[in-house]
Structures are given as structure tokens and as C-alpha cells.
Amino acid sequence: MKNNKGFMRIVVIIIVILAVGVIAYYTRTKNTTENNYEAIDQNIPVVNSNNLNQDQQSASSILGYITSDQVGPFSTGELVPNQTLLSQAGYSIRETTIFPEGMQTKEYIVSKNDKDLLTFQLRPISFGGVDVLVGDIRVTSPEFKTKEGIGVDSTVSDFIKAYPNYRFWYSQEEGEHFVLNTSSDKENLQFFLDRSGLLNPDKSFYPTRATISDFKTDAKIVSVRVY
């Protein structure tokens, strides 16, 4: 009789262990499935939201986000995002040709709801003879913002409040450029102004150079470059 009771205890323990294992497996599978569906439902197509770094997570509540190397689903130095995911998120891409410095270059225009959002070029790094890595990105739509809420159509005043340690610089290389950087030692995220925001749009900056004081405080950022 004692032997039968001992045998029953062993059977019960085995059943409990199996039940715990089944529950754990089901929970793991359910969470993975939910994460995959969550990625498809987001406005910005990512494989899994857990892959976003802290800056991206804090900015992901905005419709589109800009970081030092990423605009929405496009990351510099990374593969062009999966076309199926882009389509599911409402993005479309069309190819065009530009001629910077007289050199023929392919450029890709990204749109959503019939509005152009950004352009990007591919880096001259090929796989099987085809360039596939995202290079220079130029944001032209206010849909994308930094985690501080700055982007196209933000004013000079907005920018300075968000980045008090900003840097402004002026260049006439390959055309005239008025550029704001978020800090004096970080140059890879560039916010562009144009002459429409100057106090005197006809002012010449030769041999002098433009300064931020030449601009109205409500002058707007016209594009953002990530490269």
C-alpha cells in the first residue's frame, strides 16, 4: 500500500512538471506572435520593437522619428527596408536621377499618402553588383521629428530652445548652405535654413559670412540631413 502511494506521488509530480512546461511554451509563443503583429501594425515598420535603442523608443511615440543615423525605417549604412513592410506601412519609393557636380546619381524619393517625405541615396557598396545600403538621407516633410520634437517647419527659436548648445555654420561649397547642428561637436545631423528666413533675403555674404542673427526667430527649417 505504501509503495502504491509513493508511485502515485511520482506520477503527480511528473504531471505537474509537464503542465508547467506546456504553459511556459504557450506563453513564449503567444508573446512572440504578438510582437510580430505589433511590428506590422506600427506606422514605422520594424522587425521587433525591442530592437529599438533608448533614443528611438522615446521618439517612437511621434509619427516618425529622426536620430543621428536613422529616419523612420531608413538607417544609414543599413539595407533598404523590406519592401513588403514598407508597403504595409503605406510607404512607396520611386527612383529619379540627379546630377550633383555634373555626376549622374540615382536618388530615391519616399512618399506616403501621395506626399513626398524624404529622399535617400545608396552608398557605393555593392552586393552582387547592386548597391543596397542606405547612404545620404534628406528629410523634407514635418512628419519626422527628433525626440525633442524638432524637424522640418520647426523655427529657429524652437531649435535654439531644444538645443541651447547648437552650432550654426555657413558654406558656399556646391551652392549656398545655412546649417544648424544640435551641438558644436556633433556635425552628422544637419538642419537647413534658406534665404526665405533671412531678415534681408537679398543680403550678400561675400566677403562676410552669415550668422544666426541674420535670420528671423520664426524662420523655418526647410530640410534635415542624416548621413
C-alpha atoms as a PDB file:
ATOM      1  CA  MET A   1       0.000   0.000   0.000  1.00  0.00           C
ATOM      2  CA  LYS A   2       2.854   2.375   0.893  1.00  0.00           C
ATOM      3  CA  ASN A   3       4.540   1.537  -2.399  1.00  0.00           C
ATOM      4  CA  ASN A   4       1.358   2.458  -4.313  1.00  0.00           C
ATOM      5  CA  LYS A   5       1.169   5.832  -2.516  1.00  0.00           C
ATOM      6  CA  GLY A   6       4.814   6.553  -3.404  1.00  0.00           C
ATOM      7  CA  PHE A   7       4.205   5.642  -7.031  1.00  0.00           C
ATOM      8  CA  MET A   8       1.159   7.943  -7.196  1.00  0.00           C
ATOM      9  CA  ARG A   9       3.201  10.846  -5.775  1.00  0.00           C
ATOM     10  CA  ILE A  10       5.790  10.382  -8.565  1.00  0.00           C
ATOM     11  CA  VAL A  11       3.064  10.316 -11.228  1.00  0.00           C
ATOM     12  CA  VAL A  12       1.533  13.540  -9.840  1.00  0.00           C
ATOM     13  CA  ILE A  13       4.959  15.295  -9.823  1.00  0.00           C
ATOM     14  CA  ILE A  14       5.589  14.282 -13.452  1.00  0.00           C
ATOM     15  CA  ILE A  15       2.149  15.578 -14.496  1.00  0.00           C
ATOM     16  CA  VAL A  16       2.790  18.932 -12.749  1.00  0.00           C
ATOM     17  CA  ILE A  17       6.216  19.311 -14.434  1.00  0.00           C
ATOM     18  CA  LEU A  18       4.718  18.602 -17.876  1.00  0.00           C
ATOM     19  CA  ALA A  19       1.878  21.068 -17.280  1.00  0.00           C
ATOM     20  CA  VAL A  20       4.309  23.843 -16.258  1.00  0.00           C
ATOM     21  CA  GLY A  21       6.381  23.188 -19.386  1.00  0.00           C
ATOM     22  CA  VAL A  22       3.343  23.382 -21.683  1.00  0.00           C
ATOM     23  CA  ILE A  23       2.174  26.664 -20.091  1.00  0.00           C
ATOM     24  CA  ALA A  24       5.656  28.223 -20.417  1.00  0.00           C
ATOM     25  CA  TYR A  25       5.900  27.209 -24.089  1.00  0.00           C
ATOM     26  CA  TYR A  26       2.445  28.600 -24.882  1.00  0.00           C
ATOM     27  CA  THR A  27       3.241  31.918 -23.139  1.00  0.00           C
ATOM     28  CA  ARG A  28       6.531  32.255 -25.030  1.00  0.00           C
ATOM     29  CA  THR A  29       4.841  31.514 -28.377  1.00  0.00           C
ATOM     30  CA  LYS A  30       1.991  33.928 -27.677  1.00  0.00           C
ATOM     31  CA  ASN A  31       4.377  36.792 -26.809  1.00  0.00           C
ATOM     32  CA  THR A  32       6.447  36.231 -29.946  1.00  0.00           C
ATOM     33  CA  THR A  33       3.333  36.242 -32.127  1.00  0.00           C
ATOM     34  CA  GLU A  34       2.037  39.439 -30.500  1.00  0.00           C
ATOM     35  CA  ASN A  35       5.393  41.187 -31.048  1.00  0.00           C
ATOM     36  CA  ASN A  36       5.353  40.261 -34.734  1.00  0.00           C
ATOM     37  CA  TYR A  37       1.817  41.584 -35.199  1.00  0.00           C
ATOM     38  CA  GLU A  38       2.735  44.731 -33.251  1.00  0.00           C
ATOM     39  CA  ALA A  39       5.611  45.407 -35.657  1.00  0.00           C
ATOM     40  CA  ILE A  40       3.323  45.159 -38.678  1.00  0.00           C
ATOM     41  CA  ASP A  41       0.709  47.442 -37.115  1.00  0.00           C
ATOM     42  CA  GLN A  42       3.152  50.256 -36.294  1.00  0.00           C
ATOM     43  CA  ASN A  43       3.452  53.296 -38.573  1.00  0.00           C
ATOM     44  CA  ILE A  44       7.207  52.662 -38.693  1.00  0.00           C
ATOM     45  CA  PRO A  45       7.952  49.087 -39.830  1.00  0.00           C
ATOM     46  CA  VAL A  46      10.480  47.440 -37.518  1.00  0.00           C
ATOM     47  CA  VAL A  47      11.118  43.734 -37.075  1.00  0.00           C
ATOM     48  CA  ASN A  48      10.589  43.908 -33.327  1.00  0.00           C
ATOM     49  CA  SER A  49      10.083  46.977 -31.152  1.00  0.00           C
ATOM     50  CA  ASN A  50      12.570  45.546 -28.626  1.00  0.00           C
ATOM     51  CA  ASN A  51      15.348  46.183 -31.168  1.00  0.00           C
ATOM     52  CA  LEU A  52      14.977  49.983 -30.854  1.00  0.00           C
ATOM     53  CA  ASN A  53      17.601  51.784 -28.767  1.00  0.00           C
ATOM     54  CA  GLN A  54      16.588  54.151 -25.957  1.00  0.00           C
ATOM     55  CA  ASP A  55      16.532  57.281 -28.139  1.00  0.00           C
ATOM     56  CA  GLN A  56      14.393  55.534 -30.743  1.00  0.00           C
ATOM     57  CA  GLN A  57      11.977  54.195 -28.106  1.00  0.00           C
ATOM     58  CA  SER A  58      11.488  57.657 -26.585  1.00  0.00           C
ATOM     59  CA  ALA A  59      10.833  59.084 -30.054  1.00  0.00           C
ATOM     60  CA  SER A  60       8.653  56.266 -31.352  1.00  0.00           C
ATOM     61  CA  SER A  61       5.517  57.900 -29.931  1.00  0.00           C
ATOM     62  CA  ILE A  62       5.916  60.539 -32.679  1.00  0.00           C
ATOM     63  CA  LEU A  63       4.560  59.567 -36.090  1.00  0.00           C
ATOM     64  CA  GLY A  64       8.112  59.457 -37.493  1.00  0.00           C
ATOM     65  CA  TYR A  65      11.442  59.901 -35.753  1.00  0.00           C
ATOM     66  CA  ILE A  66      14.917  61.193 -36.598  1.00  0.00           C
ATOM     67  CA  THR A  67      18.078  60.048 -34.834  1.00  0.00           C
ATOM     68  CA  SER A  68      21.754  60.609 -35.645  1.00  0.00           C
ATOM     69  CA  ASP A  69      21.707  57.751 -38.181  1.00  0.00           C
ATOM     70  CA  GLN A  70      18.052  56.970 -38.825  1.00  0.00           C
ATOM     71  CA  VAL A  71      14.871  58.472 -40.252  1.00  0.00           C
ATOM     72  CA  GLY A  72      11.771  56.348 -39.641  1.00  0.00           C
ATOM     73  CA  PRO A  73      12.500  52.896 -41.095  1.00  0.00           C
ATOM     74  CA  PHE A  74      15.613  54.052 -43.015  1.00  0.00           C
ATOM     75  CA  SER A  75      19.057  53.727 -41.385  1.00  0.00           C
ATOM     76  CA  THR A  76      22.296  54.932 -42.930  1.00  0.00           C
ATOM     77  CA  GLY A  77      24.719  52.095 -43.590  1.00  0.00           C
ATOM     78  CA  GLU A  78      21.913  49.525 -43.388  1.00  0.00           C
ATOM     79  CA  LEU A  79      19.947  47.641 -46.038  1.00  0.00           C
ATOM     80  CA  VAL A  80      16.962  49.321 -47.631  1.00  0.00           C
ATOM     81  CA  PRO A  81      13.943  48.162 -45.550  1.00  0.00           C
ATOM     82  CA  ASN A  82      11.882  45.212 -46.684  1.00  0.00           C
ATOM     83  CA  GLN A  83       9.535  46.370 -49.449  1.00  0.00           C
ATOM     84  CA  THR A  84       6.602  44.344 -48.107  1.00  0.00           C
ATOM     85  CA  LEU A  85       6.830  46.029 -44.692  1.00  0.00           C
ATOM     86  CA  LEU A  86       7.155  49.435 -46.341  1.00  0.00           C
ATOM     87  CA  SER A  87       4.021  48.798 -48.392  1.00  0.00           C
ATOM     88  CA  GLN A  88       2.108  47.618 -45.325  1.00  0.00           C
ATOM     89  CA  ALA A  89       3.064  50.864 -43.568  1.00  0.00           C
ATOM     90  CA  GLY A  90       1.914  52.917 -46.568  1.00  0.00           C
ATOM     91  CA  TYR A  91       5.336  53.926 -47.903  1.00  0.00           C
ATOM     92  CA  SER A  92       6.214  53.957 -51.600  1.00  0.00           C
ATOM     93  CA  ILE A  93       9.583  54.556 -53.306  1.00  0.00           C
ATOM     94  CA  ARG A  94      10.315  55.899 -56.753  1.00  0.00           C
ATOM     95  CA  GLU A  95      13.664  56.331 -58.467  1.00  0.00           C
ATOM     96  CA  THR A  96      14.955  59.523 -60.059  1.00  0.00           C
ATOM     97  CA  THR A  97      18.291  60.806 -61.376  1.00  0.00           C
ATOM     98  CA  ILE A  98      20.146  63.919 -60.175  1.00  0.00           C
ATOM     99  CA  PHE A  99      23.414  65.480 -61.341  1.00  0.00           C
ATOM    100  CA  PRO A 100      25.393  66.847 -58.361  1.00  0.00           C
ATOM    101  CA  GLU A 101      28.625  68.424 -59.645  1.00  0.00           C
ATOM    102  CA  GLY A 102      27.678  67.109 -63.082  1.00  0.00           C
ATOM    103  CA  MET A 103      27.826  63.491 -61.926  1.00  0.00           C
ATOM    104  CA  GLN A 104      24.819  61.274 -62.652  1.00  0.00           C
ATOM    105  CA  THR A 105      23.476  59.874 -59.379  1.00  0.00           C
ATOM    106  CA  LYS A 106      20.398  57.818 -58.560  1.00  0.00           C
ATOM    107  CA  GLU A 107      18.160  59.193 -55.840  1.00  0.00           C
ATOM    108  CA  TYR A 108      15.093  57.586 -54.279  1.00  0.00           C
ATOM    109  CA  ILE A 109      12.021  59.549 -53.197  1.00  0.00           C
ATOM    110  CA  VAL A 110       9.948  58.102 -50.349  1.00  0.00           C
ATOM    111  CA  SER A 111       6.256  59.054 -50.234  1.00  0.00           C
ATOM    112  CA  LYS A 112       3.236  58.325 -48.081  1.00  0.00           C
ATOM    113  CA  ASN A 113      -0.377  59.288 -48.825  1.00  0.00           C
ATOM    114  CA  ASP A 114       0.843  60.978 -52.039  1.00  0.00           C
ATOM    115  CA  LYS A 115       3.183  63.294 -50.077  1.00  0.00           C
ATOM    116  CA  ASP A 116       6.971  63.227 -50.503  1.00  0.00           C
ATOM    117  CA  LEU A 117       8.644  62.625 -47.138  1.00  0.00           C
ATOM    118  CA  LEU A 118      12.346  62.177 -47.776  1.00  0.00           C
ATOM    119  CA  THR A 119      14.975  61.271 -50.335  1.00  0.00           C
ATOM    120  CA  PHE A 120      17.930  58.955 -49.977  1.00  0.00           C
ATOM    121  CA  GLN A 121      20.900  57.771 -51.971  1.00  0.00           C
ATOM    122  CA  LEU A 122      22.724  54.456 -51.815  1.00  0.00           C
ATOM    123  CA  ARG A 123      26.287  54.048 -50.648  1.00  0.00           C
ATOM    124  CA  PRO A 124      28.737  52.752 -53.290  1.00  0.00           C
ATOM    125  CA  ILE A 125      28.990  49.394 -51.525  1.00  0.00           C
ATOM    126  CA  SER A 126      27.564  46.549 -53.583  1.00  0.00           C
ATOM    127  CA  PHE A 127      26.327  43.018 -53.049  1.00  0.00           C
ATOM    128  CA  GLY A 128      26.268  41.058 -56.282  1.00  0.00           C
ATOM    129  CA  GLY A 129      26.959  44.237 -58.241  1.00  0.00           C
ATOM    130  CA  VAL A 130      23.947  46.084 -56.794  1.00  0.00           C
ATOM    131  CA  ASP A 131      24.163  48.969 -54.303  1.00  0.00           C
ATOM    132  CA  VAL A 132      21.848  48.150 -51.396  1.00  0.00           C
ATOM    133  CA  LEU A 133      22.991  50.203 -48.357  1.00  0.00           C
ATOM    134  CA  VAL A 134      21.246  53.456 -47.478  1.00  0.00           C
ATOM    135  CA  GLY A 135      23.534  56.492 -47.639  1.00  0.00           C
ATOM    136  CA  ASP A 136      22.651  60.187 -47.511  1.00  0.00           C
ATOM    137  CA  ILE A 137      19.072  60.870 -46.293  1.00  0.00           C
ATOM    138  CA  ARG A 138      17.339  64.229 -46.744  1.00  0.00           C
ATOM    139  CA  VAL A 139      14.072  64.817 -44.848  1.00  0.00           C
ATOM    140  CA  THR A 140      11.650  67.247 -46.492  1.00  0.00           C
ATOM    141  CA  SER A 141       8.470  66.551 -44.508  1.00  0.00           C
ATOM    142  CA  PRO A 142       7.424  67.682 -40.992  1.00  0.00           C
ATOM    143  CA  GLU A 143       6.195  64.125 -40.373  1.00  0.00           C
ATOM    144  CA  PHE A 144       9.600  63.198 -38.964  1.00  0.00           C
ATOM    145  CA  LYS A 145      10.914  64.783 -35.749  1.00  0.00           C
ATOM    146  CA  THR A 146      13.786  64.310 -33.319  1.00  0.00           C
ATOM    147  CA  LYS A 147      12.942  63.151 -29.816  1.00  0.00           C
ATOM    148  CA  GLU A 148      12.984  66.842 -28.834  1.00  0.00           C
ATOM    149  CA  GLY A 149      10.275  67.482 -31.433  1.00  0.00           C
ATOM    150  CA  ILE A 150      12.440  69.341 -33.969  1.00  0.00           C
ATOM    151  CA  GLY A 151      12.227  68.836 -37.724  1.00  0.00           C
ATOM    152  CA  VAL A 152      11.071  70.471 -40.951  1.00  0.00           C
ATOM    153  CA  ASP A 153       8.902  73.561 -40.232  1.00  0.00           C
ATOM    154  CA  SER A 154      10.359  73.979 -36.719  1.00  0.00           C
ATOM    155  CA  THR A 155      11.508  77.581 -36.188  1.00  0.00           C
ATOM    156  CA  VAL A 156      14.956  78.898 -35.323  1.00  0.00           C
ATOM    157  CA  SER A 157      13.542  79.815 -31.910  1.00  0.00           C
ATOM    158  CA  ASP A 158      12.224  76.246 -31.406  1.00  0.00           C
ATOM    159  CA  PHE A 159      15.602  74.812 -32.392  1.00  0.00           C
ATOM    160  CA  ILE A 160      17.628  77.013 -30.019  1.00  0.00           C
ATOM    161  CA  LYS A 161      15.303  76.208 -27.110  1.00  0.00           C
ATOM    162  CA  ALA A 162      15.677  72.478 -27.794  1.00  0.00           C
ATOM    163  CA  TYR A 163      19.448  72.645 -28.400  1.00  0.00           C
ATOM    164  CA  PRO A 164      20.952  75.606 -26.485  1.00  0.00           C
ATOM    165  CA  ASN A 165      24.486  74.364 -27.268  1.00  0.00           C
ATOM    166  CA  TYR A 166      23.793  74.483 -31.005  1.00  0.00           C
ATOM    167  CA  ARG A 167      26.250  75.383 -33.765  1.00  0.00           C
ATOM    168  CA  PHE A 168      25.461  77.462 -36.851  1.00  0.00           C
ATOM    169  CA  TRP A 169      27.609  77.456 -39.975  1.00  0.00           C
ATOM    170  CA  TYR A 170      27.517  78.886 -43.466  1.00  0.00           C
ATOM    171  CA  SER A 171      29.010  77.402 -46.635  1.00  0.00           C
ATOM    172  CA  GLN A 172      29.146  78.308 -50.320  1.00  0.00           C
ATOM    173  CA  GLU A 173      30.512  74.923 -51.368  1.00  0.00           C
ATOM    174  CA  GLU A 174      28.277  73.354 -54.049  1.00  0.00           C
ATOM    175  CA  GLY A 175      25.782  76.158 -53.533  1.00  0.00           C
ATOM    176  CA  GLU A 176      24.798  78.268 -50.564  1.00  0.00           C
ATOM    177  CA  HIS A 177      24.043  76.490 -47.270  1.00  0.00           C
ATOM    178  CA  PHE A 178      22.791  77.782 -43.898  1.00  0.00           C
ATOM    179  CA  VAL A 179      23.115  74.909 -41.423  1.00  0.00           C
ATOM    180  CA  LEU A 180      22.247  74.305 -37.776  1.00  0.00           C
ATOM    181  CA  ASN A 181      23.805  71.440 -35.792  1.00  0.00           C
ATOM    182  CA  THR A 182      22.449  70.234 -32.464  1.00  0.00           C
ATOM    183  CA  SER A 183      25.817  70.842 -30.761  1.00  0.00           C
ATOM    184  CA  SER A 184      29.248  72.273 -31.530  1.00  0.00           C
ATOM    185  CA  ASP A 185      30.907  68.865 -31.594  1.00  0.00           C
ATOM    186  CA  LYS A 186      28.267  66.875 -33.471  1.00  0.00           C
ATOM    187  CA  GLU A 187      28.041  67.526 -37.192  1.00  0.00           C
ATOM    188  CA  ASN A 188      26.329  64.453 -38.610  1.00  0.00           C
ATOM    189  CA  LEU A 189      22.742  65.712 -38.156  1.00  0.00           C
ATOM    190  CA  GLN A 190      22.164  68.890 -40.149  1.00  0.00           C
ATOM    191  CA  PHE A 191      19.139  71.222 -40.140  1.00  0.00           C
ATOM    192  CA  PHE A 192      18.949  73.546 -43.151  1.00  0.00           C
ATOM    193  CA  LEU A 193      17.553  77.063 -43.426  1.00  0.00           C
ATOM    194  CA  ASP A 194      17.207  79.056 -46.644  1.00  0.00           C
ATOM    195  CA  ARG A 195      17.118  82.688 -47.762  1.00  0.00           C
ATOM    196  CA  SER A 196      13.384  82.989 -47.214  1.00  0.00           C
ATOM    197  CA  GLY A 197      14.074  83.120 -43.470  1.00  0.00           C
ATOM    198  CA  LEU A 198      16.655  85.947 -43.617  1.00  0.00           C
ATOM    199  CA  LEU A 199      15.875  89.380 -42.202  1.00  0.00           C
ATOM    200  CA  ASN A 200      17.125  90.651 -45.555  1.00  0.00           C
ATOM    201  CA  PRO A 201      16.677  87.945 -48.224  1.00  0.00           C
ATOM    202  CA  ASP A 202      18.803  89.957 -50.676  1.00  0.00           C
ATOM    203  CA  LYS A 203      21.807  90.326 -48.395  1.00  0.00           C
ATOM    204  CA  SER A 204      25.178  89.267 -49.803  1.00  0.00           C
ATOM    205  CA  PHE A 205      27.514  87.208 -47.637  1.00  0.00           C
ATOM    206  CA  TYR A 206      30.667  87.864 -49.569  1.00  0.00           C
ATOM    207  CA  PRO A 207      33.236  88.505 -48.200  1.00  0.00           C
ATOM    208  CA  THR A 208      31.361  88.341 -44.864  1.00  0.00           C
ATOM    209  CA  ARG A 209      29.694  85.181 -43.590  1.00  0.00           C
ATOM    210  CA  ALA A 210      26.133  84.623 -42.413  1.00  0.00           C
ATOM    211  CA  THR A 211      25.357  84.241 -38.706  1.00  0.00           C
ATOM    212  CA  ILE A 212      22.236  83.097 -36.910  1.00  0.00           C
ATOM    213  CA  SER A 213      21.439  86.753 -36.124  1.00  0.00           C
ATOM    214  CA  ASP A 214      20.814  87.254 -39.862  1.00  0.00           C
ATOM    215  CA  PHE A 215      17.697  85.096 -39.554  1.00  0.00           C
ATOM    216  CA  LYS A 216      14.237  85.845 -38.198  1.00  0.00           C
ATOM    217  CA  THR A 217      13.444  83.961 -34.991  1.00  0.00           C
ATOM    218  CA  ASP A 218      10.426  82.429 -36.738  1.00  0.00           C
ATOM    219  CA  ALA A 219      12.455  81.328 -39.802  1.00  0.00           C
ATOM    220  CA  LYS A 220      11.667  77.685 -40.521  1.00  0.00           C
ATOM    221  CA  ILE A 221      13.873  74.662 -41.050  1.00  0.00           C
ATOM    222  CA  VAL A 222      13.368  73.500 -44.638  1.00  0.00           C
ATOM    223  CA  SER A 223      15.136  70.114 -44.574  1.00  0.00           C
ATOM    224  CA  VAL A 224      17.146  67.780 -42.357  1.00  0.00           C
ATOM    225  CA  ARG A 225      20.141  65.750 -43.484  1.00  0.00           C
ATOM    226  CA  VAL A 226      21.251  62.441 -41.968  1.00  0.00           C
ATOM    227  CA  TYR A 227      24.361  60.798 -43.407  1.00  0.00           C
END
